[in-house]
Amino acid sequence: MELKNLTIKDIRGGLMKKEFSAWELTAAHLDKIEKENDEIFAFLHIARDLAISQAKAVDEKIKNGEQIGILEGIPMAVKDNIMVQDLPCTSGSKILQNYIAPYDATVIEKIKGQGAVILGKTNMDEFAMGSSTETSAFGPTRNPRDLRRVPGGSSGGSAAAVAANQCAAALGSDTGGSIRQPACFCGVVGLKPTYGAVSRYGCAAYASSLDQIGPLAKTVADAQIVFDAIRGRDDRDATSVEMPAAKTAKEKYRLGVPKEYFVAGMDPRVESAIKEKISFLEKQGHEIEEVSLPHSEFALACYYIIATSEASANLARYDGMRYGAAKGGDTVTDAYFAARGQGFGAEVRRRIMLGTYVLSAGYYDAYYVRAQKVRSLIKRDFDRALAQVDAIIAPVSPTLPFAIGEKTDDPVQMYLADIFTISVNLAGVPSLAMPCGAADGLPVGLQIIGRHFDESTLFNVGKIIEG
């Protein structure tokens, strides 16, 4: 039995039947990580001692016949912007290179409480700002499907770790597509939950009104298991809410296809794979209906105004005094500028400057206020479309995974990689990304977009597509 290839469901069955131990399972995954990390570089920090101790505790519980959690013994990885007590939490940045998390994020408390084994912290674009995991201060992650290509971003390390069977599941964060796009590029499943479905407490903020933590996994069922473990209200995050009861699965669904998402410029191989899966659903008896999201064309500009504005405020705390490495200088101001200038990478500095500019006197109304109005229109588009259908089927990315270095010199081209994902964050609705085929040996992904707090429908439709 190849322990590294098992799904969460398989692992639970094997542990309960005592076909293998949690220690054996964990050791197999750790060995694979250590063997491949120089090549793939999915992990920034490997937590061997923590993982082994957690695995032994799981084996002891099973031996004693104690009740076990839904993630008991499951080897998991965690994106490096989510706090795990006593482990580094760098957010992929040199400014936090030596920072050790003093507490667990709420999602970490929850997965630990359900018995998960934490293997380590995964690589990411610096402060989650990027679409390829190339802006990490510690080097890029490579796509396990093709080492010459990017794994997507910003949760590229988590997606690559799942795709390479270095863990059974992982946690990532999604501000504009940062779970779904890496899931698409690496051929795994990723969920961006409804805004507020999962607590953000303990996750380094990029854009607070857009950020959301979610799972990456090998199957839709596994993603659902992890989501069920981390969802729910948290008093430490005022934006979080208690989830309503899951909806009963239907035999047939009415599914919308947004006409604005199939436009000139999309890779024809991607378009063909998506349309083939839509045709499959129609043949299965599901109703396919064209819907319109007319303000989608403004989503990219709207997102980069709102996200950078919030980033410029959130990242002000990294001043080399309270967080980050202090730098020398004749005055506090000199030290402040030195710490931020040397600690932040080029992409983070670019977004801070853009956000500060659009919030400045004379530009606030012209840019930020107008972007918020457009955001309301985008949300209204989704509300109207989802009143007609149970869910929306759309591409995740307009292209196949691109080569490492292909877009690093052109920020606009990099930003366009998220053109089909960012509107979901602006509207706050949930979206499930999953594989729907391959082209030239590279994964193609589709996303299923649903109503607020209706993740259950996404999982049900996803399982139909998965077969």
Protein backbone atom coordinates (compact mmCIF):
# COMPACT_ATOMS: atom_id res chain seq x y z
CA MET A 1 0.00 0.00 0.00
CA GLU A 2 1.37 3.42 -1.01
CA LEU A 3 0.55 5.42 2.10
CA LYS A 4 1.40 8.73 0.44
CA ASN A 5 -1.30 8.30 -2.22
CA LEU A 6 -4.21 7.78 0.15
CA THR A 7 -7.16 10.13 0.49
CA ILE A 8 -8.55 11.25 3.85
CA LYS A 9 -11.33 8.68 3.56
CA ASP A 10 -8.81 5.92 2.84
CA ILE A 11 -6.58 6.98 5.71
CA ARG A 12 -9.41 6.96 8.25
CA GLY A 13 -10.41 3.46 7.20
CA GLY A 14 -6.85 2.18 7.28
CA LEU A 15 -6.11 3.64 10.70
CA MET A 16 -9.27 2.21 12.24
CA LYS A 17 -8.59 -1.23 10.73
CA LYS A 18 -4.98 -0.91 11.98
CA GLU A 19 -3.61 -1.61 8.50
CA PHE A 20 -0.96 1.01 9.29
CA SER A 21 -0.21 3.41 12.12
CA ALA A 22 -0.37 7.20 12.15
CA TRP A 23 3.36 7.17 12.85
CA GLU A 24 4.07 5.09 9.71
CA LEU A 25 1.80 7.34 7.66
CA THR A 26 3.44 10.52 8.93
CA ALA A 27 6.97 9.19 8.49
CA ALA A 28 6.20 8.23 4.88
CA HIS A 29 4.99 11.76 4.09
CA LEU A 30 7.89 13.45 5.90
CA ASP A 31 10.40 11.30 4.03
CA LYS A 32 8.80 12.23 0.72
CA ILE A 33 8.87 15.94 1.59
CA GLU A 34 12.52 15.83 2.58
CA LYS A 35 13.45 13.87 -0.54
CA GLU A 36 11.68 16.22 -2.95
CA ASN A 37 11.74 19.62 -1.29
CA ASP A 38 14.95 20.82 -2.94
CA GLU A 39 13.30 20.19 -6.30
CA ILE A 40 9.66 21.23 -5.76
CA PHE A 41 10.18 23.55 -2.75
CA ALA A 42 6.60 23.30 -1.53
CA PHE A 43 7.66 23.63 2.13
CA LEU A 44 9.43 26.52 3.84
CA HIS A 45 9.48 24.76 7.23
CA ILE A 46 9.27 21.01 7.90
CA ALA A 47 7.88 20.31 11.38
CA ARG A 48 9.18 16.75 11.83
CA ASP A 49 9.25 16.76 15.63
CA LEU A 50 5.74 18.21 15.95
CA ALA A 51 4.31 15.83 13.35
CA ILE A 52 5.85 12.72 14.89
CA SER A 53 4.61 13.66 18.38
CA GLN A 54 1.10 14.30 17.05
CA ALA A 55 1.10 11.00 15.15
CA LYS A 56 2.16 9.05 18.24
CA ALA A 57 -0.65 10.68 20.20
CA VAL A 58 -3.13 9.54 17.53
CA ASP A 59 -1.83 5.96 17.70
CA GLU A 60 -2.22 6.00 21.47
CA LYS A 61 -5.85 7.18 21.18
CA ILE A 62 -6.66 4.45 18.66
CA LYS A 63 -4.91 1.84 20.80
CA ASN A 64 -7.00 2.88 23.82
CA GLY A 65 -10.23 2.87 21.86
CA GLU A 66 -10.84 6.58 22.42
CA GLN A 67 -13.16 8.67 20.25
CA ILE A 68 -11.28 10.18 17.33
CA GLY A 69 -11.82 13.39 15.35
CA ILE A 70 -12.70 13.71 11.67
CA LEU A 71 -9.07 14.55 10.82
CA GLU A 72 -7.45 12.08 13.20
CA GLY A 73 -4.00 11.16 11.89
CA ILE A 74 -4.44 13.05 8.60
CA PRO A 75 -1.08 14.51 7.44
CA MET A 76 -1.71 18.17 6.61
CA ALA A 77 0.31 21.19 5.50
CA VAL A 78 -0.36 24.83 6.36
CA LYS A 79 0.27 27.93 4.29
CA ASP A 80 2.93 30.09 5.93
CA ASN A 81 0.64 33.05 6.61
CA ILE A 82 -1.41 31.00 9.10
CA MET A 83 -0.13 30.87 12.68
CA VAL A 84 0.94 27.52 14.14
CA GLN A 85 2.23 28.03 17.67
CA ASP A 86 6.01 27.70 18.03
CA LEU A 87 6.57 27.37 14.27
CA PRO A 88 7.89 30.10 11.97
CA CYS A 89 5.29 32.23 10.21
CA THR A 90 7.02 34.29 7.53
CA SER A 91 4.22 34.98 5.02
CA GLY A 92 6.93 34.35 2.44
CA SER A 93 8.70 37.59 3.43
CA LYS A 94 12.14 38.49 4.72
CA ILE A 95 10.58 41.05 7.04
CA LEU A 96 9.16 38.12 9.08
CA GLN A 97 12.06 35.73 8.41
CA ASN A 98 12.73 35.04 12.10
CA TYR A 99 9.18 35.42 13.41
CA ILE A 100 7.85 32.51 15.50
CA ALA A 101 4.08 32.31 15.97
CA PRO A 102 3.12 32.79 19.65
CA TYR A 103 -0.32 31.21 19.26
CA ASP A 104 -2.46 29.03 17.01
CA ALA A 105 -4.85 30.48 14.46
CA THR A 106 -8.46 29.44 15.01
CA VAL A 107 -8.34 27.03 12.06
CA ILE A 108 -5.23 25.42 13.55
CA GLU A 109 -6.93 25.03 16.92
CA LYS A 110 -9.77 23.31 15.09
CA ILE A 111 -7.69 20.89 13.02
CA LYS A 112 -5.52 20.06 16.04
CA GLY A 113 -8.71 19.42 18.00
CA GLN A 114 -9.83 17.02 15.28
CA GLY A 115 -6.53 15.13 15.39
CA ALA A 116 -4.71 16.41 12.30
CA VAL A 117 -0.95 15.92 12.00
CA ILE A 118 0.80 19.13 10.89
CA LEU A 119 3.77 18.36 8.65
CA GLY A 120 4.99 21.93 8.15
CA LYS A 121 4.47 25.36 6.61
CA THR A 122 4.21 25.82 2.84
CA ASN A 123 5.74 28.36 0.50
CA MET A 124 3.66 31.25 -0.83
CA ASP A 125 3.83 34.53 -2.70
CA GLU A 126 5.02 37.21 -0.29
CA PHE A 127 2.09 38.29 1.91
CA ALA A 128 -0.16 36.38 -0.53
CA MET A 129 0.54 38.94 -3.28
CA GLY A 130 1.05 36.99 -6.47
CA SER A 131 -0.32 34.37 -8.83
CA SER A 132 2.66 32.07 -9.26
CA THR A 133 4.51 31.69 -5.89
CA GLU A 134 7.45 33.44 -7.55
CA THR A 135 7.33 36.51 -5.28
CA SER A 136 8.28 34.42 -2.24
CA ALA A 137 11.41 35.90 -0.67
CA PHE A 138 12.79 32.37 -0.31
CA GLY A 139 12.46 31.19 -3.90
CA PRO A 140 9.73 29.82 -6.19
CA THR A 141 7.80 26.61 -5.82
CA ARG A 142 7.69 24.35 -8.89
CA ASN A 143 4.63 22.58 -10.25
CA PRO A 144 4.85 18.82 -9.58
CA ARG A 145 3.03 18.18 -12.88
CA ASP A 146 5.82 19.95 -14.79
CA LEU A 147 8.80 21.30 -12.88
CA ARG A 148 9.41 23.98 -15.49
CA ARG A 149 6.08 25.61 -14.69
CA VAL A 150 4.57 27.57 -11.81
CA PRO A 151 2.12 25.94 -9.38
CA GLY A 152 -0.05 29.07 -9.29
CA GLY A 153 -0.31 31.40 -6.36
CA SER A 154 -0.37 32.60 -3.78
CA SER A 155 -1.06 29.20 -2.12
CA GLY A 156 1.27 27.45 -4.56
CA GLY A 157 3.18 25.58 -1.88
CA SER A 158 0.01 24.07 -0.41
CA ALA A 159 -1.34 23.05 -3.82
CA ALA A 160 2.01 21.58 -4.90
CA ALA A 161 2.32 19.62 -1.66
CA VAL A 162 -1.10 18.01 -2.19
CA ALA A 163 -0.43 17.33 -5.88
CA ALA A 164 2.94 15.72 -5.07
CA ASN A 165 1.35 13.48 -2.39
CA GLN A 166 3.50 15.15 0.24
CA CYS A 167 0.38 15.61 2.38
CA ALA A 168 -3.22 14.42 2.27
CA ALA A 169 -4.63 17.95 2.46
CA ALA A 170 -3.53 21.51 3.15
CA LEU A 171 -4.78 24.89 4.22
CA GLY A 172 -4.43 27.96 2.03
CA SER A 173 -5.88 31.44 1.85
CA ASP A 174 -7.76 33.06 -1.02
CA THR A 175 -7.95 36.84 -1.54
CA GLY A 176 -8.44 36.94 -5.30
CA GLY A 177 -8.04 33.32 -6.40
CA SER A 178 -5.09 32.17 -4.28
CA ILE A 179 -6.58 28.77 -3.45
CA ARG A 180 -8.47 28.11 -6.68
CA GLN A 181 -5.82 29.08 -9.22
CA PRO A 182 -3.07 26.89 -7.65
CA ALA A 183 -5.61 24.05 -7.34
CA CYS A 184 -6.32 24.47 -11.05
CA PHE A 185 -2.64 24.58 -12.07
CA CYS A 186 -1.69 21.58 -9.91
CA GLY A 187 -4.74 19.44 -10.67
CA VAL A 188 -6.20 19.28 -7.17
CA VAL A 189 -9.39 20.49 -5.44
CA GLY A 190 -9.54 23.85 -3.66
CA LEU A 191 -12.37 25.70 -1.90
CA LYS A 192 -12.72 29.45 -1.40
CA PRO A 193 -15.46 29.48 1.26
CA THR A 194 -18.09 32.17 1.64
CA TYR A 195 -16.61 35.26 3.27
CA GLY A 196 -17.26 34.75 7.00
CA ALA A 197 -17.67 30.96 6.86
CA VAL A 198 -14.17 30.39 8.29
CA SER A 199 -12.43 32.49 10.94
CA ARG A 200 -9.49 34.59 9.76
CA TYR A 201 -8.08 34.96 13.28
CA GLY A 202 -4.39 34.11 13.17
CA CYS A 203 -3.99 34.61 9.43
CA ALA A 204 -1.70 37.45 8.37
CA ALA A 205 -3.99 39.96 6.69
CA TYR A 206 -3.55 41.05 3.08
CA ALA A 207 -6.98 42.56 2.27
CA SER A 208 -9.31 42.00 5.21
CA SER A 209 -12.61 42.28 3.33
CA LEU A 210 -11.47 39.71 0.76
CA ASP A 211 -9.23 37.18 2.59
CA GLN A 212 -10.62 33.73 3.38
CA ILE A 213 -8.94 30.53 4.59
CA GLY A 214 -9.90 27.28 2.86
CA PRO A 215 -8.80 23.71 2.10
CA LEU A 216 -6.85 22.10 -0.74
CA ALA A 217 -7.30 18.35 -1.13
CA LYS A 218 -7.12 15.41 -3.53
CA THR A 219 -10.89 14.94 -3.87
CA VAL A 220 -14.09 16.92 -3.42
CA ALA A 221 -15.08 14.70 -0.48
CA ASP A 222 -11.74 15.39 1.23
CA ALA A 223 -12.14 19.15 0.75
CA GLN A 224 -15.58 18.90 2.33
CA ILE A 225 -14.19 17.02 5.35
CA VAL A 226 -11.55 19.70 5.98
CA PHE A 227 -14.06 22.51 5.47
CA ASP A 228 -16.44 20.92 7.97
CA ALA A 229 -13.57 20.84 10.48
CA ILE A 230 -12.61 24.54 10.16
CA ARG A 231 -15.88 26.34 9.46
CA GLY A 232 -18.05 28.24 11.96
CA ARG A 233 -18.26 31.34 14.10
CA ASP A 234 -15.33 32.59 16.14
CA ASP A 235 -15.68 35.35 18.74
CA ARG A 236 -12.19 36.55 17.79
CA ASP A 237 -13.28 37.28 14.21
CA ALA A 238 -16.33 39.56 14.10
CA THR A 239 -16.86 38.81 10.40
CA SER A 240 -17.33 35.07 11.00
CA VAL A 241 -20.77 33.49 11.28
CA GLU A 242 -22.30 30.14 12.16
CA MET A 243 -22.99 28.10 9.05
CA PRO A 244 -26.59 27.19 8.19
CA ALA A 245 -27.57 23.54 7.77
CA ALA A 246 -26.30 21.86 4.61
CA LYS A 247 -28.77 21.44 1.76
CA THR A 248 -29.92 18.00 0.70
CA ALA A 249 -28.42 16.91 -2.59
CA LYS A 250 -30.65 17.12 -5.66
CA GLU A 251 -30.86 14.57 -8.42
CA LYS A 252 -30.71 17.30 -11.06
CA TYR A 253 -29.29 20.82 -10.88
CA ARG A 254 -29.85 24.00 -12.83
CA LEU A 255 -26.39 25.34 -13.65
CA GLY A 256 -25.48 28.71 -15.09
CA VAL A 257 -22.71 29.47 -17.56
CA PRO A 258 -21.66 33.16 -17.62
CA LYS A 259 -21.39 34.42 -21.17
CA GLU A 260 -18.78 37.02 -20.16
CA TYR A 261 -16.30 34.29 -19.11
CA PHE A 262 -15.91 32.74 -22.57
CA VAL A 263 -14.20 35.55 -24.41
CA ALA A 264 -11.41 36.12 -26.91
CA GLY A 265 -7.98 35.56 -25.41
CA MET A 266 -8.78 32.38 -23.50
CA ASP A 267 -6.58 29.42 -24.39
CA PRO A 268 -8.75 27.30 -26.72
CA ARG A 269 -7.58 24.13 -24.97
CA VAL A 270 -8.92 25.44 -21.66
CA GLU A 271 -12.20 26.52 -23.24
CA SER A 272 -12.61 23.13 -24.92
CA ALA A 273 -12.07 21.20 -21.66
CA ILE A 274 -14.56 23.36 -19.75
CA LYS A 275 -17.21 23.11 -22.45
CA GLU A 276 -16.72 19.35 -22.66
CA LYS A 277 -17.50 19.06 -18.94
CA ILE A 278 -20.54 21.33 -19.31
CA SER A 279 -21.74 19.07 -22.13
CA PHE A 280 -21.23 16.05 -19.86
CA LEU A 281 -23.44 17.64 -17.19
CA GLU A 282 -26.13 18.41 -19.76
CA LYS A 283 -26.10 14.80 -20.96
CA GLN A 284 -26.52 13.70 -17.35
CA GLY A 285 -29.83 15.57 -17.32
CA HIS A 286 -28.77 18.76 -15.54
CA GLU A 287 -30.20 21.97 -16.93
CA ILE A 288 -27.63 24.36 -18.40
CA GLU A 289 -28.61 28.01 -18.69
CA GLU A 290 -26.67 31.03 -19.89
CA VAL A 291 -26.37 33.76 -17.25
CA SER A 292 -24.89 37.23 -17.33
CA LEU A 293 -22.38 38.88 -15.00
CA PRO A 294 -22.21 42.20 -16.87
CA HIS A 295 -19.84 44.01 -14.51
CA SER A 296 -17.17 41.29 -14.68
CA GLU A 297 -15.10 43.42 -17.05
CA PHE A 298 -14.53 45.93 -14.25
CA ALA A 299 -13.62 43.34 -11.60
CA LEU A 300 -9.86 43.37 -12.17
CA ALA A 301 -9.50 47.14 -11.78
CA CYS A 302 -11.94 47.18 -8.87
CA TYR A 303 -10.07 44.40 -7.07
CA TYR A 304 -6.62 45.96 -7.40
CA ILE A 305 -7.88 49.25 -5.99
CA ILE A 306 -9.65 47.71 -2.99
CA ALA A 307 -7.07 45.01 -2.24
CA THR A 308 -4.06 47.32 -2.43
CA SER A 309 -5.82 49.97 -0.34
CA GLU A 310 -6.48 47.46 2.43
CA ALA A 311 -2.95 46.06 2.08
CA SER A 312 -1.38 49.49 2.52
CA ALA A 313 -3.17 49.78 5.88
CA ASN A 314 -2.67 46.17 7.02
CA LEU A 315 1.04 46.08 6.22
CA ALA A 316 1.76 49.33 8.08
CA ARG A 317 2.32 47.20 11.21
CA TYR A 318 5.48 45.66 9.71
CA ASP A 319 7.81 48.48 10.69
CA GLY A 320 10.87 46.68 12.03
CA MET A 321 9.90 47.69 15.57
CA ARG A 322 6.97 45.50 16.54
CA TYR A 323 7.40 42.96 13.71
CA GLY A 324 10.32 42.20 11.45
CA ALA A 325 14.03 42.78 11.73
CA ALA A 326 15.02 46.23 12.95
CA LYS A 327 17.48 48.13 10.76
CA GLY A 328 19.92 50.84 11.74
CA GLY A 329 19.41 54.55 11.17
CA ASP A 330 19.99 57.95 12.73
CA THR A 331 16.28 58.36 13.50
CA VAL A 332 13.25 56.16 14.03
CA THR A 333 12.01 57.24 10.61
CA ASP A 334 15.30 56.16 8.99
CA ALA A 335 15.06 52.77 10.69
CA TYR A 336 11.41 52.44 9.64
CA PHE A 337 12.13 53.10 5.97
CA ALA A 338 15.19 50.84 6.03
CA ALA A 339 13.24 47.93 7.54
CA ARG A 340 10.39 48.21 5.03
CA GLY A 341 12.62 48.95 2.04
CA GLN A 342 14.85 45.96 2.68
CA GLY A 343 12.24 43.64 4.21
CA PHE A 344 9.52 43.86 1.56
CA GLY A 345 9.93 42.52 -1.95
CA ALA A 346 9.20 44.46 -5.14
CA GLU A 347 5.61 43.23 -5.59
CA VAL A 348 4.63 44.05 -2.00
CA ARG A 349 6.18 47.52 -2.27
CA ARG A 350 4.33 48.05 -5.57
CA ARG A 351 0.96 47.20 -4.00
CA ILE A 352 1.57 49.26 -0.86
CA MET A 353 2.43 52.30 -2.98
CA LEU A 354 -0.60 51.81 -5.21
CA GLY A 355 -2.91 51.43 -2.21
CA THR A 356 -1.46 54.47 -0.46
CA TYR A 357 -1.89 56.51 -3.62
CA VAL A 358 -5.57 55.65 -4.16
CA LEU A 359 -6.34 56.42 -0.50
CA SER A 360 -4.57 59.77 -0.55
CA ALA A 361 -6.28 63.18 -0.50
CA GLY A 362 -7.78 64.02 -3.86
CA TYR A 363 -7.89 60.41 -5.08
CA TYR A 364 -9.97 58.61 -2.43
CA ASP A 365 -13.33 59.50 -4.03
CA ALA A 366 -12.06 59.09 -7.59
CA TYR A 367 -10.70 55.59 -7.04
CA TYR A 368 -11.53 53.87 -3.74
CA VAL A 369 -15.13 55.04 -3.34
CA ARG A 370 -15.86 54.34 -6.99
CA ALA A 371 -14.34 50.86 -6.70
CA GLN A 372 -16.59 50.10 -3.72
CA LYS A 373 -19.62 51.11 -5.80
CA VAL A 374 -18.51 48.79 -8.60
CA ARG A 375 -18.05 46.03 -6.02
CA SER A 376 -21.71 46.42 -5.05
CA LEU A 377 -22.70 46.03 -8.69
CA ILE A 378 -20.59 42.88 -9.04
CA LYS A 379 -22.22 41.38 -5.94
CA ARG A 380 -25.66 42.27 -7.33
CA ASP A 381 -24.79 40.48 -10.60
CA PHE A 382 -24.03 37.29 -8.70
CA ASP A 383 -27.16 37.59 -6.55
CA ARG A 384 -29.32 37.93 -9.66
CA ALA A 385 -27.63 35.10 -11.54
CA LEU A 386 -27.74 32.74 -8.55
CA ALA A 387 -31.44 33.48 -8.05
CA GLN A 388 -31.99 31.78 -11.43
CA VAL A 389 -29.66 28.79 -11.00
CA ASP A 390 -28.33 26.52 -8.27
CA ALA A 391 -24.69 27.23 -9.12
CA ILE A 392 -22.49 28.73 -11.82
CA ILE A 393 -19.86 26.81 -13.82
CA ALA A 394 -16.85 28.82 -15.04
CA PRO A 395 -13.15 28.49 -15.84
CA VAL A 396 -10.59 29.11 -13.09
CA SER A 397 -7.78 30.38 -15.32
CA PRO A 398 -7.77 31.57 -18.94
CA THR A 399 -4.49 29.71 -19.54
CA LEU A 400 -2.67 26.51 -18.74
CA PRO A 401 0.11 26.68 -16.10
CA PHE A 402 2.73 29.06 -17.47
CA ALA A 403 6.51 28.72 -17.35
CA ILE A 404 8.55 29.94 -14.40
CA GLY A 405 9.80 33.44 -15.24
CA GLU A 406 7.34 33.90 -18.11
CA LYS A 407 5.33 36.73 -16.49
CA THR A 408 7.56 38.09 -13.75
CA ASP A 409 8.60 41.14 -15.77
CA ASP A 410 5.02 42.10 -16.67
CA PRO A 411 2.84 42.69 -13.57
CA VAL A 412 -0.29 43.33 -15.64
CA GLN A 413 -0.03 39.95 -17.36
CA MET A 414 0.45 38.33 -13.95
CA TYR A 415 -2.64 40.14 -12.60
CA LEU A 416 -4.68 38.90 -15.57
CA ALA A 417 -4.08 35.32 -14.40
CA ASP A 418 -6.79 35.95 -11.79
CA ILE A 419 -9.36 37.48 -14.14
CA PHE A 420 -11.94 34.69 -13.59
CA THR A 421 -11.47 34.35 -9.82
CA ILE A 422 -11.36 37.84 -8.30
CA SER A 423 -15.03 38.68 -8.82
CA VAL A 424 -15.95 35.80 -6.48
CA ASN A 425 -13.97 37.44 -3.66
CA LEU A 426 -15.49 40.85 -4.37
CA ALA A 427 -18.98 39.29 -4.11
CA GLY A 428 -18.08 37.17 -1.06
CA VAL A 429 -19.63 34.01 -2.52
CA PRO A 430 -18.09 30.51 -2.30
CA SER A 431 -16.30 28.78 -5.15
CA LEU A 432 -14.93 25.26 -5.55
CA ALA A 433 -12.09 24.66 -8.03
CA MET A 434 -11.51 21.15 -9.32
CA PRO A 435 -9.82 19.32 -12.19
CA CYS A 436 -11.87 18.86 -15.35
CA GLY A 437 -9.36 17.34 -17.71
CA ALA A 438 -5.94 17.99 -19.17
CA ALA A 439 -4.35 19.56 -22.22
CA ASP A 440 -0.86 18.61 -23.38
CA GLY A 441 -0.41 16.81 -20.08
CA LEU A 442 -1.23 19.90 -18.00
CA PRO A 443 -4.27 20.20 -15.70
CA VAL A 444 -7.34 22.27 -16.59
CA GLY A 445 -9.64 23.40 -13.79
CA LEU A 446 -13.19 24.64 -13.53
CA GLN A 447 -14.87 26.45 -10.66
CA ILE A 448 -18.36 25.96 -9.28
CA ILE A 449 -19.68 29.21 -7.80
CA GLY A 450 -22.60 29.19 -5.38
CA ARG A 451 -24.83 31.26 -3.15
CA HIS A 452 -23.61 32.66 0.15
CA PHE A 453 -23.09 29.85 2.71
CA ASP A 454 -24.23 27.19 0.25
CA GLU A 455 -20.97 25.25 0.07
CA SER A 456 -22.98 22.01 0.28
CA THR A 457 -24.34 22.54 -3.25
CA LEU A 458 -20.79 23.09 -4.55
CA PHE A 459 -19.66 19.81 -3.03
CA ASN A 460 -22.68 17.96 -4.39
CA VAL A 461 -22.17 19.27 -7.93
CA GLY A 462 -18.42 18.68 -7.64
CA LYS A 463 -18.95 15.03 -6.78
CA ILE A 464 -21.13 14.62 -9.88
CA ILE A 465 -18.38 16.08 -12.05
CA GLU A 466 -15.76 13.97 -10.31
CA GLY A 467 -17.82 10.88 -11.13
